[in-house]
């Protein structure tokens, strides 16, 4: 069970994020759960910064891992249990990047690697990692995902 794997890694799901505007955090269609973009947070506050400038790549990877946990929290809220998440189909990561920074794939690996740790082969997914100049609320990164629903 996914809840047991999270606990074994010492991870606890936070409260699900709330929308910043006129949209929902999760929308199910058939066996797929589409998750809106989740910005990086620490202690409930948005983590601001520019990766490759005032945020180093290792810190950004840890942020991406944290966003992956937030995505799972939103999935749990939408499905009633995190154990209903059967796998990861697609991840799209947006990294607020300094000019010349080209390490977006390495940053989003923070999320991708956690999904593989948790789901094994069902955690391997299609992915895009994109560098951007700005993100909502000055966030350093934002990640959206599509999960497979089981049960």
N, C-alpha and C. Protein backbone atom coordinates (compact mmCIF):
# COMPACT_ATOMS: atom_id res chain seq x y z
N UNK A 1 0.84 -1.19 0.00
CA UNK A 1 0.00 0.00 0.00
C UNK A 1 0.88 1.25 0.00
N UNK A 2 0.42 2.25 -0.72
CA UNK A 2 1.19 3.49 -0.84
C UNK A 2 1.36 4.18 0.51
N UNK A 3 0.32 4.16 1.32
CA UNK A 3 0.43 4.80 2.64
C UNK A 3 1.55 4.18 3.46
N UNK A 4 1.74 2.87 3.35
CA UNK A 4 2.81 2.19 4.07
C UNK A 4 4.18 2.57 3.52
N UNK A 5 4.28 2.70 2.19
CA UNK A 5 5.56 3.09 1.59
C UNK A 5 5.94 4.52 1.98
N UNK A 6 4.94 5.41 2.03
CA UNK A 6 5.20 6.78 2.48
C UNK A 6 5.73 6.78 3.91
N UNK A 7 5.06 6.01 4.78
CA UNK A 7 5.48 5.94 6.19
C UNK A 7 6.88 5.37 6.32
N UNK A 8 7.21 4.36 5.50
CA UNK A 8 8.54 3.75 5.56
C UNK A 8 9.62 4.75 5.17
N UNK A 9 9.27 5.72 4.32
CA UNK A 9 10.23 6.76 3.93
C UNK A 9 10.20 7.95 4.88
N UNK A 10 9.36 7.86 5.91
CA UNK A 10 9.26 8.95 6.88
C UNK A 10 8.50 10.15 6.35
N UNK A 11 7.64 9.92 5.36
CA UNK A 11 6.89 11.02 4.75
C UNK A 11 5.45 11.02 5.24
N UNK A 12 4.96 12.20 5.55
CA UNK A 12 3.59 12.38 6.00
C UNK A 12 2.91 13.35 5.05
N UNK A 13 1.69 13.03 4.64
CA UNK A 13 0.97 13.92 3.72
C UNK A 13 0.50 15.16 4.47
N UNK A 14 0.77 16.34 3.90
CA UNK A 14 0.26 17.58 4.49
C UNK A 14 -1.19 17.78 4.09
N UNK A 15 -1.85 18.81 4.63
CA UNK A 15 -3.18 19.13 4.13
C UNK A 15 -3.08 19.47 2.64
N UNK A 16 -4.10 19.13 1.88
CA UNK A 16 -4.09 19.41 0.45
C UNK A 16 -4.07 20.92 0.22
N UNK A 17 -3.33 21.35 -0.82
CA UNK A 17 -3.29 22.76 -1.19
C UNK A 17 -4.66 23.20 -1.67
N UNK A 18 -4.93 24.48 -1.53
CA UNK A 18 -6.17 25.06 -2.04
C UNK A 18 -5.87 25.87 -3.28
N UNK A 19 -6.84 25.99 -4.18
CA UNK A 19 -6.61 26.74 -5.42
C UNK A 19 -6.29 28.21 -5.14
N UNK A 20 -5.45 28.78 -5.99
CA UNK A 20 -5.10 30.19 -5.87
C UNK A 20 -6.06 31.08 -6.68
N UNK A 21 -6.86 30.47 -7.53
CA UNK A 21 -7.77 31.23 -8.39
C UNK A 21 -8.99 30.36 -8.71
N UNK A 22 -9.57 30.55 -9.89
CA UNK A 22 -10.81 29.89 -10.27
C UNK A 22 -10.57 28.57 -10.97
N UNK A 23 -10.24 27.54 -10.20
CA UNK A 23 -10.01 26.19 -10.72
C UNK A 23 -10.07 25.22 -9.55
N UNK A 24 -10.00 23.92 -9.84
CA UNK A 24 -9.96 22.91 -8.80
C UNK A 24 -8.57 22.28 -8.79
N UNK A 25 -8.18 21.71 -7.67
CA UNK A 25 -6.84 21.11 -7.56
C UNK A 25 -6.77 19.76 -8.25
N UNK A 26 -7.91 19.06 -8.35
CA UNK A 26 -7.92 17.74 -8.96
C UNK A 26 -9.24 17.52 -9.69
N UNK A 27 -9.14 16.82 -10.80
CA UNK A 27 -10.34 16.48 -11.60
C UNK A 27 -10.15 15.08 -12.15
N UNK A 28 -11.08 14.22 -11.82
CA UNK A 28 -11.01 12.83 -12.29
C UNK A 28 -11.78 12.67 -13.59
N UNK A 29 -11.20 11.90 -14.50
CA UNK A 29 -11.86 11.52 -15.74
C UNK A 29 -11.54 10.05 -15.96
N UNK A 30 -12.53 9.19 -15.78
CA UNK A 30 -12.30 7.76 -15.91
C UNK A 30 -11.31 7.28 -14.88
N UNK A 31 -10.26 6.61 -15.35
CA UNK A 31 -9.23 6.08 -14.46
C UNK A 31 -8.04 7.02 -14.31
N UNK A 32 -8.22 8.26 -14.70
CA UNK A 32 -7.13 9.24 -14.59
C UNK A 32 -7.54 10.38 -13.66
N UNK A 33 -6.58 10.84 -12.87
CA UNK A 33 -6.77 11.99 -11.99
C UNK A 33 -5.80 13.08 -12.45
N UNK A 34 -6.35 14.19 -12.91
CA UNK A 34 -5.55 15.32 -13.37
C UNK A 34 -5.37 16.29 -12.21
N UNK A 35 -4.12 16.60 -11.90
CA UNK A 35 -3.82 17.50 -10.79
C UNK A 35 -3.29 18.83 -11.33
N UNK A 36 -3.87 19.91 -10.84
CA UNK A 36 -3.42 21.25 -11.21
C UNK A 36 -2.00 21.48 -10.70
N UNK A 37 -1.39 22.52 -11.22
CA UNK A 37 -0.04 22.86 -10.77
C UNK A 37 0.00 23.17 -9.28
N UNK A 38 0.99 22.61 -8.61
CA UNK A 38 1.23 22.84 -7.19
C UNK A 38 2.56 23.57 -7.07
N UNK A 39 2.56 24.72 -6.40
CA UNK A 39 3.80 25.46 -6.19
C UNK A 39 4.51 24.92 -4.95
N UNK A 40 5.81 25.17 -4.89
CA UNK A 40 6.58 24.70 -3.74
C UNK A 40 6.24 25.53 -2.50
N UNK A 41 6.12 24.81 -1.37
CA UNK A 41 5.78 25.45 -0.10
C UNK A 41 6.67 24.89 1.01
N UNK A 42 6.83 25.70 2.02
CA UNK A 42 7.50 25.28 3.25
C UNK A 42 6.73 25.91 4.40
N UNK A 43 6.32 25.09 5.35
CA UNK A 43 5.52 25.56 6.49
C UNK A 43 4.30 26.35 6.03
N UNK A 44 3.68 25.92 4.92
CA UNK A 44 2.47 26.54 4.42
C UNK A 44 2.67 27.78 3.57
N UNK A 45 3.89 28.28 3.49
CA UNK A 45 4.15 29.49 2.71
C UNK A 45 4.85 29.13 1.40
N UNK A 46 4.55 29.87 0.35
CA UNK A 46 5.19 29.65 -0.95
C UNK A 46 6.69 29.95 -0.83
N UNK A 47 7.50 29.05 -1.38
CA UNK A 47 8.95 29.27 -1.41
C UNK A 47 9.27 30.03 -2.69
N UNK A 48 9.75 31.23 -2.53
CA UNK A 48 10.09 32.09 -3.66
C UNK A 48 11.56 31.90 -4.03
N UNK A 49 11.89 32.27 -5.25
CA UNK A 49 13.29 32.25 -5.65
C UNK A 49 13.46 31.93 -7.11
N UNK A 50 14.72 32.08 -7.53
CA UNK A 50 15.10 31.81 -8.91
C UNK A 50 16.19 30.75 -8.89
N UNK A 51 15.88 29.61 -9.50
CA UNK A 51 16.83 28.50 -9.51
C UNK A 51 17.99 28.87 -10.44
N UNK A 52 19.19 28.66 -9.94
CA UNK A 52 20.38 29.05 -10.67
C UNK A 52 20.85 30.44 -10.29
N UNK A 53 20.10 31.10 -9.41
CA UNK A 53 20.48 32.42 -8.90
C UNK A 53 20.52 32.34 -7.38
N UNK A 54 19.37 32.55 -6.72
CA UNK A 54 19.35 32.49 -5.25
C UNK A 54 18.88 31.14 -4.71
N UNK A 55 18.56 30.20 -5.58
CA UNK A 55 18.20 28.84 -5.18
C UNK A 55 19.13 27.88 -5.91
N UNK A 56 19.87 27.05 -5.16
CA UNK A 56 20.78 26.10 -5.82
C UNK A 56 20.01 24.85 -6.25
N UNK A 57 20.62 24.07 -7.09
CA UNK A 57 19.94 22.92 -7.70
C UNK A 57 19.54 21.87 -6.66
N UNK A 58 20.37 21.65 -5.64
CA UNK A 58 20.04 20.66 -4.62
C UNK A 58 18.82 21.08 -3.81
N UNK A 59 18.74 22.37 -3.47
CA UNK A 59 17.56 22.88 -2.76
C UNK A 59 16.31 22.76 -3.62
N UNK A 60 16.45 23.06 -4.91
CA UNK A 60 15.32 22.97 -5.84
C UNK A 60 14.86 21.52 -5.98
N UNK A 61 15.78 20.57 -5.98
CA UNK A 61 15.41 19.15 -6.04
C UNK A 61 14.61 18.76 -4.80
N UNK A 62 15.02 19.24 -3.63
CA UNK A 62 14.27 18.96 -2.40
C UNK A 62 12.87 19.58 -2.46
N UNK A 63 12.79 20.79 -3.04
CA UNK A 63 11.48 21.42 -3.22
C UNK A 63 10.59 20.58 -4.12
N UNK A 64 11.16 20.07 -5.21
CA UNK A 64 10.39 19.25 -6.15
C UNK A 64 9.89 17.98 -5.46
N UNK A 65 10.72 17.39 -4.62
CA UNK A 65 10.29 16.22 -3.85
C UNK A 65 9.11 16.58 -2.94
N UNK A 66 9.20 17.74 -2.31
CA UNK A 66 8.10 18.21 -1.46
C UNK A 66 6.82 18.45 -2.24
N UNK A 67 6.95 18.99 -3.46
CA UNK A 67 5.76 19.20 -4.29
C UNK A 67 5.15 17.85 -4.67
N UNK A 68 5.97 16.84 -4.92
CA UNK A 68 5.45 15.51 -5.23
C UNK A 68 4.59 15.00 -4.07
N UNK A 69 5.02 15.23 -2.85
CA UNK A 69 4.24 14.84 -1.68
C UNK A 69 2.94 15.64 -1.63
N UNK A 70 3.01 16.93 -1.95
CA UNK A 70 1.79 17.76 -2.00
C UNK A 70 0.82 17.26 -3.05
N UNK A 71 1.33 16.84 -4.21
CA UNK A 71 0.47 16.29 -5.25
C UNK A 71 -0.25 15.03 -4.74
N UNK A 72 0.47 14.19 -4.03
CA UNK A 72 -0.15 12.99 -3.45
C UNK A 72 -1.20 13.35 -2.42
N UNK A 73 -0.97 14.43 -1.66
CA UNK A 73 -1.96 14.88 -0.68
C UNK A 73 -3.25 15.32 -1.38
N UNK A 74 -3.10 16.02 -2.49
CA UNK A 74 -4.29 16.44 -3.24
C UNK A 74 -5.01 15.24 -3.84
N UNK A 75 -4.25 14.26 -4.30
CA UNK A 75 -4.84 13.04 -4.83
C UNK A 75 -5.61 12.31 -3.73
N UNK A 76 -5.03 12.22 -2.56
CA UNK A 76 -5.70 11.56 -1.43
C UNK A 76 -7.00 12.27 -1.08
N UNK A 77 -6.98 13.61 -1.10
CA UNK A 77 -8.19 14.38 -0.80
C UNK A 77 -9.27 14.14 -1.86
N UNK A 78 -8.85 14.04 -3.11
CA UNK A 78 -9.81 13.84 -4.21
C UNK A 78 -10.37 12.42 -4.25
N UNK A 79 -9.54 11.45 -3.88
CA UNK A 79 -9.93 10.04 -4.02
C UNK A 79 -10.39 9.39 -2.71
N UNK A 80 -10.17 10.08 -1.60
CA UNK A 80 -10.54 9.52 -0.30
C UNK A 80 -9.43 8.76 0.38
N UNK A 81 -8.39 8.41 -0.37
CA UNK A 81 -7.24 7.69 0.19
C UNK A 81 -6.08 7.74 -0.79
N UNK A 82 -4.90 7.93 -0.27
CA UNK A 82 -3.71 7.91 -1.13
C UNK A 82 -3.50 6.52 -1.73
N UNK A 83 -4.03 5.51 -1.08
CA UNK A 83 -3.88 4.13 -1.57
C UNK A 83 -4.65 3.88 -2.86
N UNK A 84 -5.48 4.83 -3.27
CA UNK A 84 -6.21 4.70 -4.53
C UNK A 84 -5.38 5.18 -5.72
N UNK A 85 -4.22 5.78 -5.45
CA UNK A 85 -3.34 6.20 -6.54
C UNK A 85 -2.58 4.97 -7.01
N UNK A 86 -2.79 4.61 -8.28
CA UNK A 86 -2.18 3.38 -8.79
C UNK A 86 -0.86 3.58 -9.50
N UNK A 87 -0.56 4.80 -9.89
CA UNK A 87 0.69 5.06 -10.60
C UNK A 87 0.70 6.47 -11.15
N UNK A 88 1.81 6.82 -11.77
CA UNK A 88 2.02 8.16 -12.31
C UNK A 88 2.08 8.05 -13.83
N UNK A 89 1.27 8.83 -14.51
CA UNK A 89 1.21 8.80 -15.97
C UNK A 89 2.10 9.89 -16.56
N UNK A 90 1.96 11.12 -16.06
CA UNK A 90 2.69 12.25 -16.63
C UNK A 90 2.96 13.29 -15.55
N UNK A 91 4.13 13.94 -15.67
CA UNK A 91 4.53 15.04 -14.80
C UNK A 91 5.01 16.18 -15.68
N UNK A 92 4.58 17.39 -15.36
CA UNK A 92 5.10 18.58 -16.02
C UNK A 92 5.61 19.52 -14.94
N UNK A 93 6.88 19.87 -15.04
CA UNK A 93 7.50 20.75 -14.06
C UNK A 93 7.93 22.07 -14.68
N UNK A 94 7.65 23.14 -13.96
CA UNK A 94 8.03 24.48 -14.37
C UNK A 94 9.01 25.02 -13.33
N UNK A 95 10.19 25.41 -13.79
CA UNK A 95 11.24 25.88 -12.90
C UNK A 95 11.51 27.35 -13.21
N UNK A 96 11.33 28.20 -12.21
CA UNK A 96 11.66 29.62 -12.38
C UNK A 96 13.18 29.71 -12.43
N UNK A 97 13.69 30.00 -13.62
CA UNK A 97 15.12 29.82 -13.90
C UNK A 97 15.85 31.13 -14.18
N UNK A 98 17.08 31.18 -13.70
CA UNK A 98 17.97 32.30 -14.03
C UNK A 98 18.37 32.20 -15.50
N UNK A 99 18.69 33.31 -16.13
CA UNK A 99 19.19 33.25 -17.51
C UNK A 99 20.39 32.30 -17.61
N UNK A 100 20.35 31.45 -18.60
CA UNK A 100 21.45 30.51 -18.81
C UNK A 100 21.35 29.23 -18.01
N UNK A 101 20.41 29.13 -17.05
CA UNK A 101 20.26 27.89 -16.27
C UNK A 101 19.57 26.85 -17.14
N UNK A 102 20.17 25.68 -17.25
CA UNK A 102 19.62 24.61 -18.11
C UNK A 102 19.44 23.30 -17.35
N UNK A 103 19.36 23.37 -16.03
CA UNK A 103 19.24 22.16 -15.22
C UNK A 103 17.83 21.79 -14.81
N UNK A 104 16.83 22.24 -15.56
CA UNK A 104 15.44 21.94 -15.21
C UNK A 104 15.17 20.45 -15.06
N UNK A 105 15.67 19.60 -15.98
CA UNK A 105 15.42 18.15 -15.81
C UNK A 105 15.95 17.61 -14.47
N UNK A 106 17.13 18.07 -14.06
CA UNK A 106 17.70 17.61 -12.79
C UNK A 106 16.85 18.07 -11.61
N UNK A 107 16.30 19.28 -11.68
CA UNK A 107 15.43 19.78 -10.61
C UNK A 107 14.19 18.91 -10.48
N UNK A 108 13.50 18.67 -11.58
CA UNK A 108 12.24 17.92 -11.55
C UNK A 108 12.49 16.45 -11.21
N UNK A 109 13.73 15.97 -11.36
CA UNK A 109 14.07 14.62 -10.89
C UNK A 109 13.75 14.45 -9.41
N UNK A 110 13.76 15.53 -8.65
CA UNK A 110 13.39 15.42 -7.24
C UNK A 110 12.01 14.81 -7.06
N UNK A 111 11.07 15.20 -7.92
CA UNK A 111 9.72 14.63 -7.88
C UNK A 111 9.69 13.26 -8.54
N UNK A 112 10.28 13.16 -9.73
CA UNK A 112 10.25 11.90 -10.48
C UNK A 112 10.87 10.76 -9.70
N UNK A 113 12.01 11.02 -9.07
CA UNK A 113 12.69 9.97 -8.31
C UNK A 113 11.84 9.49 -7.14
N UNK A 114 11.14 10.42 -6.48
CA UNK A 114 10.28 10.00 -5.38
C UNK A 114 9.14 9.12 -5.89
N UNK A 115 8.55 9.48 -7.03
CA UNK A 115 7.46 8.66 -7.57
C UNK A 115 7.95 7.24 -7.89
N UNK A 116 9.15 7.12 -8.41
CA UNK A 116 9.68 5.78 -8.71
C UNK A 116 9.97 5.04 -7.40
N UNK A 117 10.49 5.74 -6.39
CA UNK A 117 10.71 5.11 -5.08
C UNK A 117 9.41 4.54 -4.51
N UNK A 118 8.33 5.30 -4.67
CA UNK A 118 7.06 4.90 -4.08
C UNK A 118 6.31 3.85 -4.89
N UNK A 119 6.35 3.97 -6.21
CA UNK A 119 5.52 3.11 -7.07
C UNK A 119 6.30 2.07 -7.86
N UNK A 120 7.62 2.12 -7.84
CA UNK A 120 8.40 1.21 -8.68
C UNK A 120 8.14 1.53 -10.14
N UNK A 121 7.97 0.52 -10.96
CA UNK A 121 7.77 0.73 -12.41
C UNK A 121 6.51 1.55 -12.70
N UNK A 122 5.49 1.46 -11.85
CA UNK A 122 4.26 2.24 -12.07
C UNK A 122 4.47 3.73 -11.76
N UNK A 123 5.64 4.06 -11.23
CA UNK A 123 5.98 5.45 -10.98
C UNK A 123 6.72 6.11 -12.13
N UNK A 124 7.19 5.30 -13.09
CA UNK A 124 7.87 5.86 -14.27
C UNK A 124 6.81 6.52 -15.14
N UNK A 125 7.14 7.70 -15.65
CA UNK A 125 6.12 8.52 -16.30
C UNK A 125 6.70 9.33 -17.45
N UNK A 126 5.81 9.79 -18.31
CA UNK A 126 6.18 10.78 -19.32
C UNK A 126 6.38 12.10 -18.59
N UNK A 127 7.25 12.99 -19.15
CA UNK A 127 7.55 14.20 -18.40
C UNK A 127 8.07 15.32 -19.28
N UNK A 128 7.77 16.53 -18.87
CA UNK A 128 8.41 17.73 -19.41
C UNK A 128 8.95 18.54 -18.25
N UNK A 129 10.10 19.16 -18.43
CA UNK A 129 10.69 20.06 -17.45
C UNK A 129 11.02 21.35 -18.18
N UNK A 130 10.37 22.44 -17.80
CA UNK A 130 10.43 23.68 -18.55
C UNK A 130 10.97 24.81 -17.68
N UNK A 131 11.86 25.60 -18.23
CA UNK A 131 12.34 26.79 -17.55
C UNK A 131 11.46 27.97 -17.90
N UNK A 132 11.08 28.75 -16.87
CA UNK A 132 10.23 29.92 -17.07
C UNK A 132 10.80 31.12 -16.32
N UNK A 133 10.36 32.30 -16.75
CA UNK A 133 10.84 33.53 -16.11
C UNK A 133 10.09 33.89 -14.84
N UNK A 134 8.81 33.54 -14.77
CA UNK A 134 7.99 33.86 -13.60
C UNK A 134 7.01 32.73 -13.32
N UNK A 135 6.65 32.59 -12.05
CA UNK A 135 5.61 31.65 -11.62
C UNK A 135 4.70 32.36 -10.63
N UNK A 136 3.49 31.86 -10.41
CA UNK A 136 2.58 32.51 -9.46
C UNK A 136 3.23 32.71 -8.09
N UNK A 137 2.98 33.88 -7.52
CA UNK A 137 3.46 34.26 -6.19
C UNK A 137 4.98 34.22 -6.06
N UNK A 138 5.70 34.26 -7.19
CA UNK A 138 7.15 34.23 -7.15
C UNK A 138 7.74 32.88 -6.81
N UNK A 139 6.92 31.82 -6.90
CA UNK A 139 7.37 30.47 -6.54
C UNK A 139 8.58 30.06 -7.36
N UNK A 140 9.45 29.27 -6.75
CA UNK A 140 10.65 28.78 -7.43
C UNK A 140 10.31 27.67 -8.41
N UNK A 141 9.25 26.91 -8.13
CA UNK A 141 8.85 25.87 -9.07
C UNK A 141 7.39 25.49 -8.88
N UNK A 142 6.84 24.88 -9.92
CA UNK A 142 5.46 24.42 -9.93
C UNK A 142 5.42 23.11 -10.71
N UNK A 143 4.65 22.15 -10.19
CA UNK A 143 4.56 20.84 -10.85
C UNK A 143 3.10 20.43 -10.93
N UNK A 144 2.71 19.89 -12.09
CA UNK A 144 1.39 19.29 -12.27
C UNK A 144 1.57 17.84 -12.64
N UNK A 145 0.53 17.04 -12.46
CA UNK A 145 0.67 15.60 -12.73
C UNK A 145 -0.65 14.98 -13.15
N UNK A 146 -0.53 13.83 -13.78
CA UNK A 146 -1.67 12.97 -14.08
C UNK A 146 -1.37 11.63 -13.42
N UNK A 147 -2.27 11.19 -12.54
CA UNK A 147 -2.12 9.93 -11.84
C UNK A 147 -3.15 8.93 -12.36
N UNK A 148 -2.79 7.66 -12.27
CA UNK A 148 -3.70 6.58 -12.57
C UNK A 148 -4.45 6.23 -11.28
N UNK A 149 -5.74 6.00 -11.40
CA UNK A 149 -6.57 5.65 -10.24
C UNK A 149 -6.78 4.14 -10.23
N UNK A 150 -6.61 3.54 -9.05
CA UNK A 150 -6.86 2.10 -8.92
C UNK A 150 -8.05 1.89 -8.00
N UNK A 151 -8.64 0.72 -8.13
CA UNK A 151 -9.76 0.37 -7.26
C UNK A 151 -10.99 1.03 -7.70
